[in-house]
Protein backbone atom coordinates (compact mmCIF):
# COMPACT_ATOMS: atom_id res chain seq x y z
CA MET A 1 5.05 21.11 -25.01
CA THR A 2 1.37 20.30 -25.36
CA THR A 3 -1.33 18.08 -23.97
CA GLN A 4 -4.13 17.70 -26.49
CA PRO A 5 -7.55 16.07 -26.10
CA SER A 6 -8.37 13.37 -28.63
CA SER A 7 -12.03 12.75 -29.41
CA HIS A 8 -12.05 11.42 -32.99
CA PRO A 9 -13.68 7.93 -32.99
CA PHE A 10 -10.78 6.44 -35.00
CA SER A 11 -7.97 8.06 -33.01
CA PRO A 12 -5.89 5.99 -30.59
CA ALA A 13 -6.69 6.00 -26.90
CA LEU A 14 -3.31 7.67 -26.29
CA ALA A 15 -0.47 8.98 -28.45
CA ILE A 16 2.71 10.34 -26.85
CA THR A 17 5.52 11.87 -28.89
CA GLY A 18 8.92 12.99 -27.61
CA LEU A 19 7.77 13.31 -24.00
CA ARG A 20 10.25 14.90 -21.60
CA ARG A 21 9.91 15.46 -17.85
CA ALA A 22 12.65 16.75 -15.58
CA TYR A 23 13.00 17.66 -11.93
CA GLY A 24 15.67 20.33 -11.90
CA ALA A 25 18.81 18.89 -13.48
CA ARG A 26 17.47 15.32 -13.31
CA THR A 27 15.66 14.11 -16.42
CA VAL A 28 13.11 11.42 -15.51
CA ILE A 29 11.49 10.93 -18.93
CA ASP A 30 13.59 11.57 -22.01
CA GLY A 31 12.07 11.59 -25.50
CA LEU A 32 9.49 8.89 -24.83
CA ASN A 33 7.07 7.76 -27.55
CA LEU A 34 4.02 5.59 -26.89
CA ARG A 35 0.79 4.77 -28.70
CA ILE A 36 -2.10 2.81 -27.15
CA GLU A 37 -5.03 1.75 -29.30
CA ARG A 38 -8.59 1.58 -28.00
CA GLY A 39 -9.17 -1.80 -26.42
CA GLU A 40 -5.43 -2.43 -26.06
CA PHE A 41 -4.02 -3.37 -22.64
CA ILE A 42 -0.46 -2.18 -21.98
CA ALA A 43 1.55 -3.11 -18.88
CA LEU A 44 4.54 -0.97 -17.94
CA LEU A 45 7.35 -2.51 -15.88
CA GLY A 46 10.56 -0.98 -14.57
CA GLU A 47 12.72 -0.50 -11.52
CA SER A 48 11.64 1.99 -8.87
CA GLY A 49 12.55 5.51 -9.93
CA CYS A 50 12.66 4.76 -13.67
CA GLY A 51 9.78 7.15 -14.42
CA LYS A 52 6.73 4.84 -14.61
CA THR A 53 4.55 6.74 -12.18
CA THR A 54 5.78 10.08 -13.51
CA LEU A 55 4.61 9.00 -16.96
CA LEU A 56 1.21 7.94 -15.67
CA ARG A 57 0.76 11.18 -13.74
CA ALA A 58 1.69 13.22 -16.82
CA VAL A 59 -0.87 11.34 -18.93
CA ALA A 60 -3.48 11.84 -16.20
CA GLY A 61 -2.79 15.58 -16.21
CA LEU A 62 -1.53 15.51 -12.64
CA ASP A 63 2.06 16.52 -13.54
CA PRO A 64 3.27 19.09 -16.09
CA ILE A 65 5.56 18.06 -18.93
CA ASP A 66 8.71 19.80 -20.12
CA GLY A 67 8.60 18.80 -23.76
CA GLY A 68 6.79 16.70 -26.33
CA HIS A 69 3.10 16.03 -26.95
CA ILE A 70 0.40 13.96 -25.23
CA ALA A 71 -2.71 13.39 -27.34
CA GLY A 72 -5.45 11.70 -25.33
CA PRO A 73 -8.63 12.33 -23.37
CA ARG A 74 -8.77 15.46 -21.27
CA ARG A 75 -9.82 13.43 -18.22
CA PRO A 76 -8.70 9.79 -18.39
CA ALA A 77 -10.05 7.46 -15.71
CA VAL A 78 -7.47 6.58 -13.04
CA VAL A 79 -7.40 3.82 -10.39
CA PHE A 80 -4.63 4.21 -7.81
CA GLN A 81 -3.10 1.74 -5.36
CA GLU A 82 -5.23 3.35 -2.65
CA HIS A 83 -8.93 3.26 -3.43
CA ARG A 84 -9.39 6.94 -2.47
CA LEU A 85 -13.07 6.52 -1.60
CA LEU A 86 -14.71 9.32 0.36
CA PRO A 87 -15.57 7.86 3.78
CA TRP A 88 -18.50 10.25 4.32
CA ASP A 89 -20.31 9.16 1.13
CA THR A 90 -22.15 5.94 0.36
CA LEU A 91 -20.82 3.63 -2.32
CA TRP A 92 -23.13 4.83 -5.07
CA LYS A 93 -22.27 8.46 -4.32
CA ASN A 94 -18.57 7.60 -4.50
CA VAL A 95 -19.09 6.01 -7.91
CA ALA A 96 -21.21 8.95 -9.10
CA LEU A 97 -18.66 11.56 -8.00
CA GLY A 98 -18.35 14.10 -10.80
CA LEU A 99 -20.63 12.09 -13.10
CA PRO A 100 -22.52 14.43 -15.46
CA GLY A 101 -25.95 13.97 -16.96
CA PRO A 102 -29.26 12.46 -15.80
CA ASP A 103 -30.01 9.22 -13.92
CA VAL A 104 -26.77 9.42 -11.93
CA ARG A 105 -27.86 6.96 -9.23
CA ALA A 106 -29.06 4.42 -11.80
CA ARG A 107 -25.78 4.64 -13.73
CA ALA A 108 -23.77 4.26 -10.51
CA ALA A 109 -25.93 1.28 -9.52
CA ALA A 110 -25.28 -0.38 -12.90
CA ALA A 111 -21.52 0.15 -12.50
CA LEU A 112 -21.56 -1.34 -9.00
CA ALA A 113 -23.53 -4.32 -10.29
CA GLU A 114 -20.82 -4.89 -12.91
CA VAL A 115 -18.21 -5.29 -10.16
CA GLY A 116 -20.43 -7.54 -8.03
CA LEU A 117 -21.56 -4.92 -5.50
CA GLY A 118 -25.00 -4.12 -6.83
CA ASP A 119 -26.56 -4.87 -3.45
CA ARG A 120 -24.30 -2.43 -1.56
CA LEU A 121 -25.36 0.94 -3.01
CA ASP A 122 -26.10 2.57 0.33
CA ASP A 123 -23.27 0.91 2.26
CA TRP A 124 -20.20 2.81 3.47
CA PRO A 125 -16.52 2.45 2.49
CA ARG A 126 -15.56 1.52 6.08
CA ASN A 127 -17.50 -1.74 5.72
CA LEU A 128 -15.54 -2.96 2.69
CA SER A 129 -12.55 -5.26 2.39
CA GLY A 130 -9.55 -4.08 0.40
CA GLY A 131 -10.67 -5.98 -2.67
CA GLN A 132 -14.20 -4.66 -2.45
CA ALA A 133 -12.94 -1.09 -2.11
CA GLN A 134 -10.88 -1.51 -5.28
CA ARG A 135 -13.97 -2.88 -7.02
CA VAL A 136 -15.75 0.37 -6.16
CA ALA A 137 -12.76 2.34 -7.46
CA LEU A 138 -12.98 0.41 -10.75
CA ALA A 139 -16.71 1.08 -10.96
CA ARG A 140 -16.06 4.79 -10.39
CA ALA A 141 -13.54 4.79 -13.24
CA LEU A 142 -15.58 2.79 -15.75
CA VAL A 143 -18.92 4.55 -15.13
CA GLN A 144 -17.40 7.47 -17.07
CA ALA A 145 -17.12 5.24 -20.18
CA PRO A 146 -13.45 6.27 -20.53
CA GLN A 147 -11.44 6.18 -23.72
CA LEU A 148 -8.33 5.61 -21.57
CA LEU A 149 -7.99 3.80 -18.22
CA LEU A 150 -4.85 4.34 -16.13
CA LEU A 151 -4.04 1.77 -13.43
CA ASP A 152 -1.31 2.71 -10.93
CA GLU A 153 -0.49 -0.57 -9.13
CA PRO A 154 -4.14 -0.94 -8.05
CA PHE A 155 -3.73 -4.52 -6.78
CA ALA A 156 -0.37 -4.24 -5.00
CA ALA A 157 -1.85 -4.10 -1.50
CA LEU A 158 -4.22 -7.06 -2.00
CA ASP A 159 -3.60 -10.65 -0.92
CA ALA A 160 -2.74 -13.18 -3.62
CA LEU A 161 -6.19 -14.76 -4.00
CA THR A 162 -7.98 -11.40 -4.08
CA ARG A 163 -5.46 -10.17 -6.66
CA ILE A 164 -6.25 -13.13 -8.95
CA ARG A 165 -9.98 -12.42 -8.66
CA MET A 166 -9.36 -8.75 -9.47
CA HIS A 167 -7.34 -9.74 -12.53
CA ASP A 168 -10.28 -11.80 -13.79
CA LEU A 169 -12.65 -8.90 -13.16
CA VAL A 170 -10.44 -6.36 -14.91
CA ARG A 171 -10.07 -8.61 -17.97
CA GLU A 172 -13.85 -8.97 -18.15
CA LEU A 173 -14.53 -5.24 -17.72
CA VAL A 174 -11.90 -4.14 -20.23
CA ALA A 175 -13.23 -6.63 -22.80
CA ARG A 176 -16.72 -5.21 -22.27
CA HIS A 177 -15.92 -1.48 -22.24
CA ARG A 178 -12.89 -1.47 -24.60
CA PRO A 179 -10.84 1.42 -23.20
CA GLY A 180 -7.16 1.66 -23.88
CA VAL A 181 -5.38 0.63 -20.66
CA LEU A 182 -2.01 1.60 -19.21
CA LEU A 183 -1.11 -0.47 -16.14
CA VAL A 184 1.92 0.50 -14.06
CA THR A 185 3.09 -2.50 -12.05
CA HIS A 186 6.13 -4.12 -10.44
CA ASP A 187 4.58 -7.59 -10.81
CA VAL A 188 5.89 -9.48 -13.85
CA ASP A 189 3.26 -12.22 -13.53
CA GLU A 190 0.49 -9.61 -13.35
CA ALA A 191 1.78 -8.03 -16.55
CA ILE A 192 1.86 -11.41 -18.31
CA ALA A 193 -1.64 -12.29 -17.10
CA LEU A 194 -3.29 -9.04 -18.20
CA ALA A 195 -1.44 -7.29 -21.00
CA ASP A 196 -1.58 -7.49 -24.77
CA ARG A 197 1.79 -5.71 -24.79
CA ILE A 198 4.41 -5.42 -22.04
CA LEU A 199 6.86 -2.52 -21.97
CA VAL A 200 9.97 -2.18 -19.82
CA MET A 201 11.02 1.37 -18.93
CA ARG A 202 14.66 2.17 -18.26
CA ASP A 203 16.47 5.50 -17.90
CA GLY A 204 13.38 7.46 -18.86
CA ARG A 205 12.71 5.58 -22.08
CA LEU A 206 10.88 2.46 -23.25
CA ALA A 207 13.74 0.00 -23.55
CA PHE A 208 11.93 -3.26 -24.33
CA GLU A 209 8.60 -4.44 -25.75
CA HIS A 210 7.04 -7.90 -25.72
CA ARG A 211 3.69 -9.38 -26.72
CA PRO A 212 2.87 -12.38 -24.50
CA ALA A 213 1.83 -15.53 -26.35
CA ALA A 214 -0.07 -18.54 -25.08
CA GLY A 215 2.20 -21.29 -23.81
CA GLU A 216 5.24 -19.03 -23.43
CA THR A 217 4.72 -17.87 -19.86
CA GLU A 218 8.00 -19.19 -18.46
CA ALA A 219 10.06 -17.90 -21.37
CA THR A 220 8.32 -14.53 -21.17
CA ARG A 221 8.89 -14.30 -17.43
CA ALA A 222 12.59 -15.13 -17.82
CA ARG A 223 13.07 -12.53 -20.56
CA LEU A 224 11.26 -9.81 -18.61
CA LEU A 225 13.21 -10.55 -15.43
CA ALA A 226 16.43 -10.34 -17.41
CA GLU A 227 15.37 -6.98 -18.84
CA LEU A 228 14.65 -5.83 -15.28
CA GLY A 229 18.10 -6.95 -14.13
CA VAL A 230 16.86 -9.83 -11.98
CA ALA A 231 18.85 -13.04 -12.39
CA ARG A 232 16.88 -16.26 -11.97
CA HIS A 233 19.29 -17.63 -9.36
CA LYS A 234 18.54 -14.62 -7.15
CA LEU A 235 14.87 -15.56 -7.02
CA ALA A 236 15.67 -18.94 -5.52
CA VAL A 237 17.62 -17.49 -2.58
């Protein structure tokens, strides 16, 4: 079992081979293979408990693995459902947390400007809305110029309109910075809106793959819901 950094300019953002993760006698991830190219946006769907978050945590280096290989950056950027901002630091200091090199404040300011908060450098997290706090979390992730960006349901707690605005922002930022992206979500429409490739995880493995195409939103939604075990008539109840 190994986790290996990948720094070659032509290597993928992430390459997973034969990944296994177990909790005692319960195997959560079983022989999983996954490759994400740089600039590719992957959305991962699946029922609760299928192993989605366990996979993301393993890739982030937050959980050990029991078998297989993960080849990717040593420290991928991660945005969680909770913004995890430090309340005692200003916004620019939150963005600059752990940022190496010179001109840290200027780089943090540029990242905040990218997410529309360039005039709030010295403000405090307590003064932000939920959407604004997640914008700061995105700035903190992208200021590192990551090869791989992990998104763990970062928009789940936001209202519908704010979520749509965040989707637009994420699309713009990913197109500009070109990291590989792995989004864990329960939202089928979010996956369709954002991803180049949608994967459905079941019983610890990737059971289904689909590439959304323009004009096929309804057909894609129906197929994904079927893969997730949700019948269309249940949605109308």
